Amino acid sequence: MGPQIWHTGATRYINNWEPDAPVESPSGLNAPSEARGVAMTEEDIADSVAAFAKAAADAKRLGFDTVEIHGAHGYLIDQFFWSGTNLRTDRYGGPTIKERSRFAGEIISAVREAVGPDFPIIMRVSQWKQQDFSVRLAETPAEMETWLLPLVEAGVDILHVSQRRFWEPEFPEIDGESGLNGAGWAKKVTGAATIAVGSVGLDNDVTASAFVGKGSTTASIDHLIDRMDRNEFDLIAVGRALLTDPNWVAKVENGDHAELKGFDPATLSELA
């Protein structure tokens, strides 16, 4: 078990009050042309890197088995990755995804130093953003390699590659509509272990159900198992299905697929 460590960046709303801590992001943007908060100084960046490292060290001290650094979905680290929100002209910006990954690389290096060589570090990444589902940070496998391989070299053990639908191919122009998904390609270009995620066992994605208060019915996991058997990826993350059906893993392990339940949005109300 491990905590997910993150900084929300400019996704944090400013309403009719000024928060004690400023809303920070690479360039004071939540999305292209959507100003929010302030651009981080290099001192702010150094403070954030140190805070990630301290949080990871605290997690290890408290007995957790791993940590996951959240670098996906349009939050702070992802805002550095994304050219639409990172307009910096210093060493934390630039025209390439490799240049814009410096902040993430510094976080991973600091976390690795804080937790030691034998403590697993997971990094969550995504092409899509909550601000724009169509965004792609890497248009080719080569670009994906320049983005992710330096993070693995900095200390990431497992890449958690978020998709809204795990079965969708990442680069269909290369290997077709049944080609590797994001986790599959991340594993191929980096050699790291990967986690696949996205509508596992359900018939629609999170934006069409949980985000709008709607449910989901079950969907076959046979295709998922086939991909696992082909070693396309190493692990699977389950979200909504597990919230409604806490025995989901045991049912799958025992082959009781017919007993799996869909997602009920009322489940979330119990967490509120």
C-alpha atoms as a PDB file:
ATOM      1  CA  MET A   1       0.000   0.000   0.000  1.00  0.00           C
ATOM      2  CA  GLY A   2       1.219   3.484  -0.756  1.00  0.00           C
ATOM      3  CA  PRO A   3      -0.022   7.072  -0.894  1.00  0.00           C
ATOM      4  CA  GLN A   4      -0.340   9.099  -4.070  1.00  0.00           C
ATOM      5  CA  ILE A   5       1.609  12.351  -3.740  1.00  0.00           C
ATOM      6  CA  TRP A   6       0.579  15.319  -5.854  1.00  0.00           C
ATOM      7  CA  HIS A   7       0.292  19.060  -6.249  1.00  0.00           C
ATOM      8  CA  THR A   8      -2.873  20.314  -7.939  1.00  0.00           C
ATOM      9  CA  GLY A   9      -1.219  23.324  -9.578  1.00  0.00           C
ATOM     10  CA  ALA A  10      -3.533  25.768 -11.323  1.00  0.00           C
ATOM     11  CA  THR A  11      -6.509  23.394 -11.243  1.00  0.00           C
ATOM     12  CA  ARG A  12      -7.122  24.779  -7.760  1.00  0.00           C
ATOM     13  CA  TYR A  13      -9.901  27.328  -8.073  1.00  0.00           C
ATOM     14  CA  ILE A  14      -9.793  30.904  -6.872  1.00  0.00           C
ATOM     15  CA  ASN A  15     -13.325  32.061  -6.103  1.00  0.00           C
ATOM     16  CA  ASN A  16     -14.215  35.119  -4.061  1.00  0.00           C
ATOM     17  CA  TRP A  17     -11.421  34.631  -1.560  1.00  0.00           C
ATOM     18  CA  GLU A  18      -7.646  34.671  -1.664  1.00  0.00           C
ATOM     19  CA  PRO A  19      -6.115  31.427  -0.363  1.00  0.00           C
ATOM     20  CA  ASP A  20      -3.266  31.555   2.142  1.00  0.00           C
ATOM     21  CA  ALA A  21      -0.992  29.823  -0.358  1.00  0.00           C
ATOM     22  CA  PRO A  22      -0.971  31.135  -3.926  1.00  0.00           C
ATOM     23  CA  VAL A  23      -2.263  29.071  -6.810  1.00  0.00           C
ATOM     24  CA  GLU A  24       0.937  28.111  -8.613  1.00  0.00           C
ATOM     25  CA  SER A  25       1.742  26.670 -12.016  1.00  0.00           C
ATOM     26  CA  PRO A  26       4.575  26.829 -14.553  1.00  0.00           C
ATOM     27  CA  SER A  27       3.257  29.949 -16.294  1.00  0.00           C
ATOM     28  CA  GLY A  28       0.163  31.085 -14.389  1.00  0.00           C
ATOM     29  CA  LEU A  29      -2.116  29.103 -16.711  1.00  0.00           C
ATOM     30  CA  ASN A  30      -4.615  26.333 -16.057  1.00  0.00           C
ATOM     31  CA  ALA A  31      -5.056  25.743 -19.795  1.00  0.00           C
ATOM     32  CA  PRO A  32      -3.958  27.584 -22.935  1.00  0.00           C
ATOM     33  CA  SER A  33      -5.206  31.197 -22.641  1.00  0.00           C
ATOM     34  CA  GLU A  34      -6.835  30.445 -19.254  1.00  0.00           C
ATOM     35  CA  ALA A  35      -4.924  32.514 -16.716  1.00  0.00           C
ATOM     36  CA  ARG A  36      -5.082  31.368 -13.114  1.00  0.00           C
ATOM     37  CA  GLY A  37      -2.716  32.032 -10.232  1.00  0.00           C
ATOM     38  CA  VAL A  38       0.950  32.876 -10.569  1.00  0.00           C
ATOM     39  CA  ALA A  39       3.962  31.501 -12.404  1.00  0.00           C
ATOM     40  CA  MET A  40       6.355  29.693 -10.093  1.00  0.00           C
ATOM     41  CA  THR A  41       9.770  31.147  -9.421  1.00  0.00           C
ATOM     42  CA  GLU A  42      12.794  28.849  -9.387  1.00  0.00           C
ATOM     43  CA  GLU A  43      12.680  29.094  -5.585  1.00  0.00           C
ATOM     44  CA  ASP A  44       9.038  27.933  -5.660  1.00  0.00           C
ATOM     45  CA  ILE A  45      10.058  25.022  -7.869  1.00  0.00           C
ATOM     46  CA  ALA A  46      12.871  24.025  -5.512  1.00  0.00           C
ATOM     47  CA  ASP A  47      10.460  24.178  -2.556  1.00  0.00           C
ATOM     48  CA  SER A  48       7.989  21.917  -4.378  1.00  0.00           C
ATOM     49  CA  VAL A  49      10.698  19.398  -5.270  1.00  0.00           C
ATOM     50  CA  ALA A  50      11.774  19.296  -1.624  1.00  0.00           C
ATOM     51  CA  ALA A  51       8.161  18.896  -0.470  1.00  0.00           C
ATOM     52  CA  PHE A  52       7.621  15.885  -2.733  1.00  0.00           C
ATOM     53  CA  ALA A  53      10.806  14.299  -1.379  1.00  0.00           C
ATOM     54  CA  LYS A  54       9.824  14.938   2.244  1.00  0.00           C
ATOM     55  CA  ALA A  55       6.350  13.486   1.681  1.00  0.00           C
ATOM     56  CA  ALA A  56       7.870  10.342   0.167  1.00  0.00           C
ATOM     57  CA  ALA A  57      10.329   9.993   3.047  1.00  0.00           C
ATOM     58  CA  ASP A  58       7.458  10.408   5.513  1.00  0.00           C
ATOM     59  CA  ALA A  59       5.513   7.672   3.714  1.00  0.00           C
ATOM     60  CA  LYS A  60       8.428   5.273   4.036  1.00  0.00           C
ATOM     61  CA  ARG A  61       8.935   6.183   7.705  1.00  0.00           C
ATOM     62  CA  LEU A  62       5.254   5.518   8.415  1.00  0.00           C
ATOM     63  CA  GLY A  63       5.494   2.007   6.981  1.00  0.00           C
ATOM     64  CA  PHE A  64       4.043   2.327   3.486  1.00  0.00           C
ATOM     65  CA  ASP A  65       5.334  -0.052   0.821  1.00  0.00           C
ATOM     66  CA  THR A  66       5.578   2.412  -2.069  1.00  0.00           C
ATOM     67  CA  VAL A  67       4.669   5.911  -3.211  1.00  0.00           C
ATOM     68  CA  GLU A  68       3.043   7.103  -6.407  1.00  0.00           C
ATOM     69  CA  ILE A  69       3.945  10.520  -7.805  1.00  0.00           C
ATOM     70  CA  HIS A  70       0.948  11.956  -9.672  1.00  0.00           C
ATOM     71  CA  GLY A  71       2.134  13.527 -12.905  1.00  0.00           C
ATOM     72  CA  ALA A  72      -1.070  13.161 -14.918  1.00  0.00           C
ATOM     73  CA  HIS A  73      -4.478  14.692 -15.687  1.00  0.00           C
ATOM     74  CA  GLY A  74      -3.483  18.345 -15.906  1.00  0.00           C
ATOM     75  CA  TYR A  75      -2.201  18.816 -12.351  1.00  0.00           C
ATOM     76  CA  LEU A  76       1.072  20.612 -11.553  1.00  0.00           C
ATOM     77  CA  ILE A  77       3.663  18.168 -12.886  1.00  0.00           C
ATOM     78  CA  ASP A  78       1.539  17.609 -15.977  1.00  0.00           C
ATOM     79  CA  GLN A  79       1.238  21.365 -16.459  1.00  0.00           C
ATOM     80  CA  PHE A  80       5.025  21.415 -16.804  1.00  0.00           C
ATOM     81  CA  PHE A  81       4.866  18.577 -19.367  1.00  0.00           C
ATOM     82  CA  TRP A  82       2.174  20.308 -21.456  1.00  0.00           C
ATOM     83  CA  SER A  83       3.316  22.962 -23.916  1.00  0.00           C
ATOM     84  CA  GLY A  84      -0.090  24.637 -23.583  1.00  0.00           C
ATOM     85  CA  THR A  85       0.541  25.510 -19.923  1.00  0.00           C
ATOM     86  CA  ASN A  86       4.340  25.644 -19.822  1.00  0.00           C
ATOM     87  CA  LEU A  87       5.492  28.769 -21.630  1.00  0.00           C
ATOM     88  CA  ARG A  88       8.661  29.162 -19.589  1.00  0.00           C
ATOM     89  CA  THR A  89      11.885  30.285 -21.213  1.00  0.00           C
ATOM     90  CA  ASP A  90      14.194  29.068 -18.440  1.00  0.00           C
ATOM     91  CA  ARG A  91      15.530  25.534 -17.937  1.00  0.00           C
ATOM     92  CA  TYR A  92      12.079  24.249 -16.904  1.00  0.00           C
ATOM     93  CA  GLY A  93      10.486  25.070 -20.250  1.00  0.00           C
ATOM     94  CA  GLY A  94      11.264  24.590 -23.894  1.00  0.00           C
ATOM     95  CA  PRO A  95       9.889  23.339 -27.198  1.00  0.00           C
ATOM     96  CA  THR A  96      10.416  19.623 -26.479  1.00  0.00           C
ATOM     97  CA  ILE A  97       8.736  17.310 -24.003  1.00  0.00           C
ATOM     98  CA  LYS A  98      12.182  16.268 -22.766  1.00  0.00           C
ATOM     99  CA  GLU A  99      12.974  19.860 -21.776  1.00  0.00           C
ATOM    100  CA  ARG A 100       9.591  20.336 -20.112  1.00  0.00           C
ATOM    101  CA  SER A 101      10.141  17.128 -18.102  1.00  0.00           C
ATOM    102  CA  ARG A 102      13.018  18.601 -16.091  1.00  0.00           C
ATOM    103  CA  PHE A 103      10.750  19.464 -13.131  1.00  0.00           C
ATOM    104  CA  ALA A 104       9.421  15.906 -12.973  1.00  0.00           C
ATOM    105  CA  GLY A 105      12.920  14.491 -13.275  1.00  0.00           C
ATOM    106  CA  GLU A 106      14.139  16.620 -10.376  1.00  0.00           C
ATOM    107  CA  ILE A 107      11.209  15.437  -8.257  1.00  0.00           C
ATOM    108  CA  ILE A 108      11.934  11.783  -8.996  1.00  0.00           C
ATOM    109  CA  SER A 109      15.663  12.192  -8.300  1.00  0.00           C
ATOM    110  CA  ALA A 110      14.905  13.904  -4.985  1.00  0.00           C
ATOM    111  CA  VAL A 111      12.348  11.268  -4.017  1.00  0.00           C
ATOM    112  CA  ARG A 112      14.778   8.485  -4.871  1.00  0.00           C
ATOM    113  CA  GLU A 113      17.457  10.073  -2.716  1.00  0.00           C
ATOM    114  CA  ALA A 114      14.957  10.472   0.131  1.00  0.00           C
ATOM    115  CA  VAL A 115      13.644   6.887   0.133  1.00  0.00           C
ATOM    116  CA  GLY A 116      16.771   4.969  -0.842  1.00  0.00           C
ATOM    117  CA  PRO A 117      17.470   2.478  -3.629  1.00  0.00           C
ATOM    118  CA  ASP A 118      15.058  -0.314  -2.678  1.00  0.00           C
ATOM    119  CA  PHE A 119      11.770   1.545  -2.164  1.00  0.00           C
ATOM    120  CA  PRO A 120       9.462   1.336  -5.210  1.00  0.00           C
ATOM    121  CA  ILE A 121       8.494   4.596  -6.903  1.00  0.00           C
ATOM    122  CA  ILE A 122       5.447   4.693  -9.190  1.00  0.00           C
ATOM    123  CA  MET A 123       4.853   7.631 -11.537  1.00  0.00           C
ATOM    124  CA  ARG A 124       1.400   8.318 -12.942  1.00  0.00           C
ATOM    125  CA  VAL A 125       1.294   9.972 -16.359  1.00  0.00           C
ATOM    126  CA  SER A 126      -1.301  10.611 -19.041  1.00  0.00           C
ATOM    127  CA  GLN A 127      -1.624  12.033 -22.504  1.00  0.00           C
ATOM    128  CA  TRP A 128      -5.096  13.480 -21.787  1.00  0.00           C
ATOM    129  CA  LYS A 129      -5.860  16.338 -19.412  1.00  0.00           C
ATOM    130  CA  GLN A 130      -8.998  17.171 -17.463  1.00  0.00           C
ATOM    131  CA  GLN A 131      -8.779  20.542 -19.236  1.00  0.00           C
ATOM    132  CA  ASP A 132      -8.684  18.927 -22.705  1.00  0.00           C
ATOM    133  CA  PHE A 133      -9.224  15.229 -23.366  1.00  0.00           C
ATOM    134  CA  SER A 134      -7.699  15.500 -26.843  1.00  0.00           C
ATOM    135  CA  VAL A 135      -4.216  16.601 -25.761  1.00  0.00           C
ATOM    136  CA  ARG A 136      -1.296  14.352 -26.692  1.00  0.00           C
ATOM    137  CA  LEU A 137       2.100  14.998 -25.139  1.00  0.00           C
ATOM    138  CA  ALA A 138       3.764  12.376 -27.326  1.00  0.00           C
ATOM    139  CA  GLU A 139       2.703  12.039 -30.945  1.00  0.00           C
ATOM    140  CA  THR A 140       5.118   9.178 -31.677  1.00  0.00           C
ATOM    141  CA  PRO A 141       6.806   6.339 -29.775  1.00  0.00           C
ATOM    142  CA  ALA A 142      10.120   8.173 -30.152  1.00  0.00           C
ATOM    143  CA  GLU A 143       8.654  11.249 -28.477  1.00  0.00           C
ATOM    144  CA  MET A 144       7.185   9.070 -25.727  1.00  0.00           C
ATOM    145  CA  GLU A 145      10.649   7.638 -25.127  1.00  0.00           C
ATOM    146  CA  THR A 146      12.215  11.094 -24.755  1.00  0.00           C
ATOM    147  CA  TRP A 147       9.460  11.948 -22.253  1.00  0.00           C
ATOM    148  CA  LEU A 148       9.405   8.814 -20.097  1.00  0.00           C
ATOM    149  CA  LEU A 149      12.826   7.189 -20.290  1.00  0.00           C
ATOM    150  CA  PRO A 150      14.585  10.037 -18.412  1.00  0.00           C
ATOM    151  CA  LEU A 151      12.035   9.630 -15.606  1.00  0.00           C
ATOM    152  CA  VAL A 152      12.808   5.919 -15.379  1.00  0.00           C
ATOM    153  CA  GLU A 153      16.521   6.693 -15.394  1.00  0.00           C
ATOM    154  CA  ALA A 154      15.926   9.207 -12.580  1.00  0.00           C
ATOM    155  CA  GLY A 155      14.405   6.506 -10.387  1.00  0.00           C
ATOM    156  CA  VAL A 156      10.879   5.533 -11.447  1.00  0.00           C
ATOM    157  CA  ASP A 157      10.255   1.789 -11.093  1.00  0.00           C
ATOM    158  CA  ILE A 158       6.706   1.589 -12.455  1.00  0.00           C
ATOM    159  CA  LEU A 159       4.883   3.843 -14.922  1.00  0.00           C
ATOM    160  CA  HIS A 160       1.137   4.121 -14.308  1.00  0.00           C
ATOM    161  CA  VAL A 161      -0.190   5.203 -17.698  1.00  0.00           C
ATOM    162  CA  SER A 162      -3.692   6.616 -17.402  1.00  0.00           C
ATOM    163  CA  GLN A 163      -6.206   6.191 -20.206  1.00  0.00           C
ATOM    164  CA  ARG A 164      -9.951   6.667 -20.007  1.00  0.00           C
ATOM    165  CA  ARG A 165     -10.429   3.366 -21.894  1.00  0.00           C
ATOM    166  CA  PHE A 166      -7.616   0.841 -21.474  1.00  0.00           C
ATOM    167  CA  TRP A 167      -8.378  -0.972 -24.745  1.00  0.00           C
ATOM    168  CA  GLU A 168      -7.721   2.001 -27.001  1.00  0.00           C
ATOM    169  CA  PRO A 169      -4.466   1.834 -28.996  1.00  0.00           C
ATOM    170  CA  GLU A 170      -1.962   4.592 -28.318  1.00  0.00           C
ATOM    171  CA  PHE A 171      -0.519   4.727 -31.836  1.00  0.00           C
ATOM    172  CA  PRO A 172      -3.036   2.974 -34.142  1.00  0.00           C
ATOM    173  CA  GLU A 173      -1.282   4.398 -37.182  1.00  0.00           C
ATOM    174  CA  ILE A 174       1.614   2.068 -36.311  1.00  0.00           C
ATOM    175  CA  ASP A 175       0.081  -1.161 -35.027  1.00  0.00           C
ATOM    176  CA  GLY A 176      -3.628  -0.874 -35.842  1.00  0.00           C
ATOM    177  CA  GLU A 177      -6.831  -0.659 -33.853  1.00  0.00           C
ATOM    178  CA  SER A 178      -5.865  -3.661 -31.716  1.00  0.00           C
ATOM    179  CA  GLY A 179      -2.369  -2.320 -31.061  1.00  0.00           C
ATOM    180  CA  LEU A 180      -0.594  -1.565 -27.813  1.00  0.00           C
ATOM    181  CA  ASN A 181      -2.274   0.792 -25.376  1.00  0.00           C
ATOM    182  CA  GLY A 182      -0.455   3.562 -23.534  1.00  0.00           C
ATOM    183  CA  ALA A 183       0.954   1.265 -20.865  1.00  0.00           C
ATOM    184  CA  GLY A 184       2.059  -1.171 -23.545  1.00  0.00           C
ATOM    185  CA  TRP A 185       3.971   1.449 -25.474  1.00  0.00           C
ATOM    186  CA  ALA A 186       5.475   2.927 -22.293  1.00  0.00           C
ATOM    187  CA  LYS A 187       6.816  -0.508 -21.395  1.00  0.00           C
ATOM    188  CA  LYS A 188       8.154  -1.018 -24.911  1.00  0.00           C
ATOM    189  CA  VAL A 189      10.054   2.270 -25.142  1.00  0.00           C
ATOM    190  CA  THR A 190      11.413   2.368 -21.563  1.00  0.00           C
ATOM    191  CA  GLY A 191      11.697  -1.249 -20.426  1.00  0.00           C
ATOM    192  CA  ALA A 192       9.997  -0.322 -17.151  1.00  0.00           C
ATOM    193  CA  ALA A 193       7.091  -2.170 -15.588  1.00  0.00           C
ATOM    194  CA  THR A 194       3.755  -0.495 -16.312  1.00  0.00           C
ATOM    195  CA  ILE A 195       0.215  -0.268 -14.960  1.00  0.00           C
ATOM    196  CA  ALA A 196      -2.776  -0.097 -17.308  1.00  0.00           C
ATOM    197  CA  VAL A 197      -6.006   1.599 -16.261  1.00  0.00           C
ATOM    198  CA  GLY A 198      -9.220   2.942 -17.741  1.00  0.00           C
ATOM    199  CA  SER A 199     -12.788   1.604 -17.513  1.00  0.00           C
ATOM    200  CA  VAL A 200     -11.619  -1.833 -16.389  1.00  0.00           C
ATOM    201  CA  GLY A 201     -14.630  -4.151 -16.248  1.00  0.00           C
ATOM    202  CA  LEU A 202     -17.067  -1.347 -17.125  1.00  0.00           C
ATOM    203  CA  ASP A 203     -18.885  -0.247 -20.274  1.00  0.00           C
ATOM    204  CA  ASN A 204     -18.076   3.488 -20.195  1.00  0.00           C
ATOM    205  CA  ASP A 205     -15.337   5.804 -19.015  1.00  0.00           C
ATOM    206  CA  VAL A 206     -15.181   7.925 -15.896  1.00  0.00           C
ATOM    207  CA  THR A 207     -16.121  11.136 -17.722  1.00  0.00           C
ATOM    208  CA  ALA A 208     -19.394   9.560 -18.851  1.00  0.00           C
ATOM    209  CA  SER A 209     -20.295   8.146 -15.443  1.00  0.00           C
ATOM    210  CA  ALA A 210     -18.727   9.259 -12.151  1.00  0.00           C
ATOM    211  CA  PHE A 211     -18.000  12.804 -13.331  1.00  0.00           C
ATOM    212  CA  VAL A 212     -21.672  13.328 -14.223  1.00  0.00           C
ATOM    213  CA  GLY A 213     -23.300  11.166 -11.553  1.00  0.00           C
ATOM    214  CA  LYS A 214     -24.185   8.248 -13.815  1.00  0.00           C
ATOM    215  CA  GLY A 215     -23.599   4.540 -13.404  1.00  0.00           C
ATOM    216  CA  SER A 216     -21.878   1.918 -15.531  1.00  0.00           C
ATOM    217  CA  THR A 217     -22.738  -1.676 -16.311  1.00  0.00           C
ATOM    218  CA  THR A 218     -20.220  -4.480 -16.393  1.00  0.00           C
ATOM    219  CA  ALA A 219     -18.137  -5.340 -19.443  1.00  0.00           C
ATOM    220  CA  SER A 220     -16.087  -8.439 -20.200  1.00  0.00           C
ATOM    221  CA  ILE A 221     -12.514  -8.500 -18.934  1.00  0.00           C
ATOM    222  CA  ASP A 222     -11.453 -11.269 -21.331  1.00  0.00           C
ATOM    223  CA  HIS A 223      -9.643  -8.791 -23.580  1.00  0.00           C
ATOM    224  CA  LEU A 224      -7.834  -7.379 -20.558  1.00  0.00           C
ATOM    225  CA  ILE A 225      -6.689 -10.845 -19.519  1.00  0.00           C
ATOM    226  CA  ASP A 226      -5.500 -11.576 -23.058  1.00  0.00           C
ATOM    227  CA  ARG A 227      -3.358  -8.447 -22.990  1.00  0.00           C
ATOM    228  CA  MET A 228      -1.911  -9.429 -19.628  1.00  0.00           C
ATOM    229  CA  ASP A 229      -1.102 -12.883 -20.971  1.00  0.00           C
ATOM    230  CA  ARG A 230       0.793 -11.220 -23.848  1.00  0.00           C
ATOM    231  CA  ASN A 231       2.813  -9.187 -21.305  1.00  0.00           C
ATOM    232  CA  GLU A 232       1.637  -5.929 -22.834  1.00  0.00           C
ATOM    233  CA  PHE A 233       1.704  -4.455 -19.324  1.00  0.00           C
ATOM    234  CA  ASP A 234       2.413  -5.783 -15.842  1.00  0.00           C
ATOM    235  CA  LEU A 235      -0.294  -4.514 -13.503  1.00  0.00           C
ATOM    236  CA  ILE A 236      -3.885  -3.282 -13.664  1.00  0.00           C
ATOM    237  CA  ALA A 237      -5.460  -0.443 -11.691  1.00  0.00           C
ATOM    238  CA  VAL A 238      -9.168  -0.707 -10.889  1.00  0.00           C
ATOM    239  CA  GLY A 239     -11.129   2.335  -9.737  1.00  0.00           C
ATOM    240  CA  ARG A 240     -14.900   2.681 -10.039  1.00  0.00           C
ATOM    241  CA  ALA A 241     -15.574  -1.060 -10.241  1.00  0.00           C
ATOM    242  CA  LEU A 242     -13.742  -1.632  -6.959  1.00  0.00           C
ATOM    243  CA  LEU A 243     -15.601   1.178  -5.189  1.00  0.00           C
ATOM    244  CA  THR A 244     -18.930  -0.511  -5.813  1.00  0.00           C
ATOM    245  CA  ASP A 245     -17.676  -4.096  -5.561  1.00  0.00           C
ATOM    246  CA  PRO A 246     -14.917  -4.433  -2.928  1.00  0.00           C
ATOM    247  CA  ASN A 247     -14.749  -8.170  -3.662  1.00  0.00           C
ATOM    248  CA  TRP A 248     -13.902  -7.487  -7.323  1.00  0.00           C
ATOM    249  CA  VAL A 249     -10.350  -8.844  -7.112  1.00  0.00           C
ATOM    250  CA  ALA A 250     -11.388 -12.023  -5.287  1.00  0.00           C
ATOM    251  CA  LYS A 251     -14.160 -12.662  -7.821  1.00  0.00           C
ATOM    252  CA  VAL A 252     -11.741 -12.288 -10.728  1.00  0.00           C
ATOM    253  CA  GLU A 253      -9.173 -14.498  -9.035  1.00  0.00           C
ATOM    254  CA  ASN A 254     -11.801 -17.203  -8.507  1.00  0.00           C
ATOM    255  CA  GLY A 255     -13.156 -16.911 -12.041  1.00  0.00           C
ATOM    256  CA  ASP A 256     -16.534 -15.587 -10.861  1.00  0.00           C
ATOM    257  CA  HIS A 257     -16.761 -13.000 -13.631  1.00  0.00           C
ATOM    258  CA  ALA A 258     -20.541 -13.294 -13.847  1.00  0.00           C
ATOM    259  CA  GLU A 259     -20.788 -12.055 -10.256  1.00  0.00           C
ATOM    260  CA  LEU A 260     -19.013  -8.759 -10.936  1.00  0.00           C
ATOM    261  CA  LYS A 261     -21.037  -5.588 -10.366  1.00  0.00           C
ATOM    262  CA  GLY A 262     -21.247  -2.358 -12.336  1.00  0.00           C
ATOM    263  CA  PHE A 263     -20.495   1.075 -10.945  1.00  0.00           C
ATOM    264  CA  ASP A 264     -23.155   2.754  -8.800  1.00  0.00           C
ATOM    265  CA  PRO A 265     -22.581   6.528  -8.413  1.00  0.00           C
ATOM    266  CA  ALA A 266     -24.246   6.375  -5.006  1.00  0.00           C
ATOM    267  CA  THR A 267     -21.048   4.715  -3.825  1.00  0.00           C
ATOM    268  CA  LEU A 268     -19.284   8.057  -4.061  1.00  0.00           C
ATOM    269  CA  SER A 269     -21.819   9.758  -1.821  1.00  0.00           C
ATOM    270  CA  GLU A 270     -20.634   7.571   1.047  1.00  0.00           C
ATOM    271  CA  LEU A 271     -17.168   9.081   0.683  1.00  0.00           C
ATOM    272  CA  ALA A 272     -18.387  12.677   0.687  1.00  0.00           C
END
